[in-house]
Protein backbone atom coordinates (compact mmCIF):
# COMPACT_ATOMS: atom_id res chain seq x y z
CA MET A 1 74.80 4.05 -26.76
CA GLY A 2 72.79 3.10 -23.70
CA ALA A 3 69.12 2.21 -23.53
CA PRO A 4 66.65 5.10 -23.72
CA PRO A 5 65.51 6.41 -20.34
CA LYS A 6 62.32 4.98 -18.90
CA ARG A 7 59.33 7.29 -18.63
CA GLY A 8 58.07 5.40 -15.59
CA VAL A 9 59.37 5.00 -12.07
CA ILE A 10 62.25 2.91 -10.77
CA VAL A 11 61.50 1.85 -7.21
CA SER A 12 64.36 2.30 -4.77
CA SER A 13 65.66 -0.86 -3.13
CA GLY A 14 64.77 0.54 0.28
CA ASP A 15 61.05 0.89 -0.44
CA GLU A 16 59.56 -2.38 0.79
CA LYS A 17 55.91 -1.50 0.16
CA PHE A 18 56.12 -1.40 -3.62
CA TYR A 19 56.91 -3.62 -6.55
CA ARG A 20 58.65 -2.48 -9.67
CA ALA A 21 55.93 -3.03 -12.29
CA ARG A 22 56.87 -3.09 -15.96
CA ILE A 23 54.31 -2.53 -18.70
CA THR A 24 54.26 -5.50 -21.09
CA GLN A 25 51.23 -4.62 -23.20
CA ARG A 26 49.04 -1.62 -24.00
CA ALA A 27 45.84 -1.30 -26.06
CA ASP A 28 44.00 1.97 -26.72
CA TYR A 29 40.23 1.69 -27.20
CA SER A 30 39.57 5.40 -27.75
CA ALA A 31 41.28 8.73 -27.16
CA ASP A 32 40.71 8.47 -23.41
CA LEU A 33 40.31 4.74 -22.68
CA TRP A 34 43.12 2.24 -22.63
CA MET A 35 44.36 -1.01 -21.12
CA ILE A 36 47.76 -2.03 -19.83
CA ARG A 37 49.20 -5.31 -18.60
CA ILE A 38 52.08 -5.26 -16.15
CA GLN A 39 54.63 -7.73 -14.84
CA THR A 40 55.76 -7.45 -11.22
CA GLU A 41 59.01 -8.56 -9.62
CA ALA A 42 57.32 -11.26 -7.54
CA GLU A 43 53.96 -13.01 -7.26
CA PHE A 44 50.97 -10.80 -6.51
CA LYS A 45 48.12 -12.77 -4.94
CA PHE A 46 44.62 -11.33 -5.10
CA ALA A 47 40.98 -12.36 -5.30
CA PRO A 48 38.76 -11.48 -8.28
CA GLY A 49 37.14 -8.12 -7.55
CA GLN A 50 40.03 -6.68 -5.57
CA TYR A 51 42.10 -3.67 -6.57
CA ALA A 52 45.77 -2.73 -6.69
CA THR A 53 47.25 0.65 -5.82
CA LEU A 54 49.36 2.10 -8.61
CA GLY A 55 51.62 5.11 -8.33
CA VAL A 56 53.93 7.43 -10.22
CA GLN A 57 56.60 9.62 -8.69
CA ASP A 58 57.04 13.14 -10.05
CA ALA A 59 59.50 15.82 -9.03
CA GLU A 60 57.44 16.78 -6.00
CA LYS A 61 55.68 13.70 -4.63
CA ARG A 62 54.34 10.24 -5.24
CA HIS A 63 50.80 10.06 -6.60
CA GLU A 64 48.83 6.89 -5.89
CA ARG A 65 45.35 5.62 -6.68
CA PRO A 66 43.54 2.26 -6.45
CA TYR A 67 42.45 0.59 -9.69
CA SER A 68 40.30 -2.53 -10.04
CA ILE A 69 42.10 -5.52 -11.50
CA VAL A 70 40.78 -6.87 -14.80
CA SER A 71 42.85 -10.03 -14.95
CA SER A 72 42.23 -13.33 -13.23
CA PRO A 73 44.51 -14.56 -10.46
CA TYR A 74 45.34 -17.43 -12.84
CA GLU A 75 47.09 -15.01 -15.21
CA SER A 76 50.80 -14.27 -14.90
CA GLU A 77 50.36 -10.56 -15.66
CA ILE A 78 48.06 -7.99 -14.08
CA GLU A 79 45.67 -6.02 -16.27
CA PHE A 80 44.01 -2.62 -15.75
CA PHE A 81 41.43 -0.60 -17.69
CA PHE A 82 41.77 3.21 -17.45
CA GLU A 83 39.79 6.29 -18.33
CA LEU A 84 41.83 9.46 -18.75
CA VAL A 85 40.92 12.25 -16.35
CA PRO A 86 42.44 15.28 -18.15
CA HIS A 87 43.13 17.32 -15.01
CA GLY A 88 43.70 14.34 -12.70
CA LEU A 89 46.87 13.78 -10.73
CA LEU A 90 47.60 10.24 -11.90
CA THR A 91 45.85 9.04 -15.07
CA PRO A 92 47.55 11.69 -17.28
CA GLN A 93 50.92 10.38 -16.07
CA ILE A 94 49.96 6.73 -16.58
CA TYR A 95 48.55 7.64 -20.00
CA LYS A 96 52.04 8.67 -21.15
CA LEU A 97 53.55 5.28 -20.29
CA GLN A 98 54.23 2.74 -23.01
CA VAL A 99 55.42 -0.87 -23.19
CA GLY A 100 58.70 -1.22 -21.34
CA ASP A 101 58.06 1.69 -18.97
CA GLU A 102 57.70 1.16 -15.24
CA LEU A 103 55.42 2.36 -12.48
CA LEU A 104 54.85 1.64 -8.81
CA MET A 105 52.44 -0.93 -7.44
CA ARG A 106 51.85 -1.63 -3.77
CA LYS A 107 52.52 -5.24 -2.87
CA VAL A 108 49.24 -5.82 -1.05
CA PRO A 109 45.86 -5.90 -2.87
CA LYS A 110 42.78 -4.54 -1.13
CA GLY A 111 39.03 -4.45 -1.49
CA ARG A 112 35.98 -6.52 -0.58
CA PHE A 113 34.13 -6.27 -3.90
CA THR A 114 34.40 -10.02 -4.35
CA LEU A 115 31.71 -12.46 -5.44
CA ASP A 116 29.59 -13.59 -2.51
CA THR A 117 28.99 -17.33 -2.90
CA GLN A 118 28.07 -17.94 0.75
CA SER A 119 24.78 -16.03 1.14
CA GLY A 120 22.53 -18.68 -0.38
CA ARG A 121 21.60 -16.34 -3.24
CA THR A 122 23.01 -17.89 -6.40
CA ASN A 123 22.20 -15.10 -8.88
CA HIS A 124 24.60 -12.19 -9.22
CA LEU A 125 23.40 -9.05 -11.02
CA LEU A 126 26.48 -7.10 -12.11
CA LEU A 127 25.88 -3.46 -13.11
CA SER A 128 28.71 -1.35 -14.51
CA THR A 129 29.64 1.73 -16.50
CA VAL A 130 32.74 1.91 -18.74
CA THR A 131 35.83 1.00 -16.63
CA GLY A 132 33.55 -0.28 -13.88
CA VAL A 133 33.36 -3.56 -15.77
CA ALA A 134 36.94 -4.38 -14.70
CA PRO A 135 36.21 -6.49 -11.57
CA PHE A 136 33.42 -8.33 -13.42
CA VAL A 137 35.85 -9.38 -16.15
CA SER A 138 38.09 -10.77 -13.41
CA TYR A 139 35.12 -12.75 -11.99
CA VAL A 140 34.24 -14.17 -15.41
CA ARG A 141 37.75 -15.10 -16.49
CA THR A 142 38.35 -16.91 -13.21
CA MET A 143 35.01 -18.72 -13.14
CA PHE A 144 35.25 -19.69 -16.80
CA LYS A 145 38.63 -21.36 -16.27
CA ASP A 146 37.35 -23.11 -13.15
CA TRP A 147 34.25 -24.27 -15.06
CA LYS A 148 36.26 -25.61 -17.98
CA GLU A 149 38.61 -27.46 -15.63
CA GLY A 150 35.88 -28.93 -13.42
CA ARG A 151 36.33 -26.79 -10.29
CA PHE A 152 33.06 -24.86 -10.75
CA ALA A 153 29.76 -26.60 -11.44
CA GLY A 154 27.96 -23.55 -12.84
CA ASP A 155 25.62 -23.22 -9.87
CA GLN A 156 26.44 -19.51 -9.40
CA LYS A 157 24.99 -17.44 -12.25
CA LEU A 158 26.22 -14.05 -13.46
CA PHE A 159 24.07 -11.43 -15.21
CA ILE A 160 26.05 -8.46 -16.54
CA LEU A 161 24.51 -5.17 -17.64
CA ASN A 162 27.39 -3.07 -19.01
CA GLY A 163 26.79 0.57 -19.97
CA ALA A 164 28.73 3.19 -21.90
CA SER A 165 27.95 6.34 -23.82
CA ARG A 166 29.16 4.82 -27.11
CA SER A 167 30.13 1.33 -28.21
CA TRP A 168 33.88 1.99 -28.51
CA GLU A 169 33.99 2.65 -24.76
CA PHE A 170 33.26 -0.95 -23.75
CA GLY A 171 36.74 -2.45 -23.99
CA TYR A 172 35.68 -6.00 -23.05
CA SER A 173 32.31 -6.52 -24.73
CA GLU A 174 33.59 -8.94 -27.39
CA GLU A 175 35.38 -11.05 -24.80
CA LEU A 176 32.34 -11.16 -22.52
CA GLN A 177 30.02 -11.99 -25.41
CA LYS A 178 32.22 -14.97 -26.30
CA PHE A 179 32.19 -16.21 -22.72
CA ALA A 180 28.39 -15.80 -22.54
CA ALA A 181 27.93 -17.75 -25.79
CA ASP A 182 29.76 -20.71 -24.26
CA ALA A 183 28.81 -20.57 -20.57
CA PRO A 184 25.18 -21.27 -19.57
CA TRP A 185 25.78 -19.55 -16.23
CA LEU A 186 26.58 -16.16 -17.82
CA LYS A 187 24.33 -13.54 -19.44
CA TYR A 188 25.77 -10.33 -20.88
CA VAL A 189 24.07 -7.21 -22.23
CA ALA A 190 25.89 -4.07 -23.39
CA THR A 191 23.92 -0.83 -23.64
CA VAL A 192 24.74 2.53 -25.21
CA SER A 193 23.26 5.71 -23.70
CA ARG A 194 24.12 8.05 -26.60
CA PRO A 195 23.10 6.09 -29.70
CA TRP A 196 22.83 9.30 -31.76
CA ASP A 197 26.64 9.52 -31.54
CA ASP A 198 27.02 5.88 -32.57
CA PRO A 199 24.81 5.18 -35.62
CA GLN A 200 26.43 1.79 -36.29
CA TRP A 201 25.31 0.44 -32.91
CA THR A 202 22.50 -2.12 -33.17
CA GLY A 203 22.36 -3.34 -29.58
CA GLU A 204 20.49 -2.20 -26.48
CA VAL A 205 20.13 1.53 -25.79
CA GLY A 206 19.60 3.44 -22.57
CA ARG A 207 21.35 4.00 -19.26
CA VAL A 208 22.10 1.01 -17.09
CA ASP A 209 19.88 2.18 -14.23
CA ASP A 210 16.97 2.69 -16.63
CA LEU A 211 17.25 -0.90 -17.85
CA ILE A 212 17.53 -2.70 -14.52
CA ARG A 213 13.80 -3.42 -14.22
CA LYS A 214 13.56 -4.75 -17.77
CA TYR A 215 16.40 -7.23 -17.42
CA ALA A 216 15.74 -8.16 -13.81
CA ASP A 217 12.25 -9.18 -14.93
CA GLU A 218 13.57 -11.04 -17.98
CA TRP A 219 16.15 -12.90 -15.91
CA GLY A 220 13.89 -13.49 -12.89
CA LEU A 221 16.06 -11.62 -10.42
CA ASP A 222 14.80 -10.10 -7.18
CA GLY A 223 15.82 -9.56 -3.59
CA THR A 224 15.04 -13.14 -2.57
CA ASN A 225 17.37 -14.89 -5.01
CA SER A 226 19.98 -12.35 -6.10
CA ILE A 227 22.81 -10.08 -5.03
CA GLY A 228 23.35 -6.75 -6.79
CA TYR A 229 26.84 -5.44 -7.55
CA LEU A 230 27.26 -1.87 -8.82
CA CYS A 231 30.57 -0.51 -10.08
CA GLY A 232 31.63 2.67 -11.85
CA HIS A 233 29.92 6.05 -12.13
CA PRO A 234 28.57 7.27 -8.76
CA GLY A 235 25.34 8.51 -10.35
CA MET A 236 24.58 5.08 -11.80
CA ILE A 237 25.36 3.46 -8.47
CA GLU A 238 23.07 5.76 -6.52
CA ARG A 239 20.17 5.44 -8.96
CA GLY A 240 20.75 1.72 -9.45
CA LYS A 241 20.68 1.04 -5.71
CA GLY A 242 17.37 2.84 -5.49
CA VAL A 243 15.89 0.66 -8.24
CA LEU A 244 17.15 -2.54 -6.61
CA GLN A 245 15.93 -1.51 -3.16
CA ARG A 246 12.47 -0.91 -4.60
CA ARG A 247 12.65 -4.43 -6.06
CA GLY A 248 13.18 -5.80 -2.59
CA PHE A 249 16.95 -6.11 -2.47
CA PRO A 250 17.91 -5.78 1.21
CA LYS A 251 21.02 -3.87 2.24
CA GLU A 252 22.98 -7.07 2.77
CA ALA A 253 22.32 -8.09 -0.86
CA LEU A 254 23.92 -4.97 -2.36
CA ARG A 255 27.61 -4.37 -3.06
CA GLU A 256 29.12 -1.22 -4.54
CA GLU A 257 32.47 0.07 -5.81
CA ILE A 258 32.42 3.81 -6.50
CA TYR A 259 35.24 5.01 -8.76
CA TRP A 260 35.21 8.56 -7.46
CA VAL A 261 33.32 10.57 -4.89
CA PRO A 262 31.05 13.30 -6.30
CA GLY A 263 32.43 16.74 -5.49
CA LYS A 264 36.01 15.49 -5.29
CA GLU A 265 38.43 15.59 -8.20
CA ALA A 266 39.05 12.23 -9.78
CA ALA A 267 42.58 11.04 -10.44
């Protein structure tokens, strides 16, 4: 008997824009949040904070969407963190895929949501909701390896405020806590906005945008010494930018990565 058919996509040899990407690992954090790692046919070079465009071909057309990369460029596999959009065009199809299945990935990464180490501001305030933490994990993994191996002196400091409705939606909180315990240049706070649904949670509570002032004061961050990065839910980004602007963050010291546009269906 032959091998069972793949649920994913086999890329035709004539399609030069895509890699065949095989899923090598999957972890489910909740009913609608999961991680996959993929292996591509050839090297995929990217900078921490960039995204890759994934796709699945159905009977009618190819569906594609950009997803921030979780992994570091030092890793041999590429990692993604997904939230299922029940009526979306792509995440329900990716959700069905298991280890060994294949999907499409464009060969060229994109995005400018990279860490700015040239501005003179050495503090980086990283604000995220749920899967929006993905590019920040890529920053931290890369910088931690560089720090351990003597390529990074620790002069750039990261301050992560990571929000979710409930604690099981974080995905990377344990990993980031371990990094923060070891690296003096990293601070990490996870916050839950619906603690009544999560009675075992003993950490910070509240929405990310409601906690910016508290932690910016505690960490000594303002528009003269810091850059703000906002990634994830568009509501958090809009409110968070307003808070940072009122704290004196100029336009050039704000970066954002919106995961969907309000009023348009997410994928």
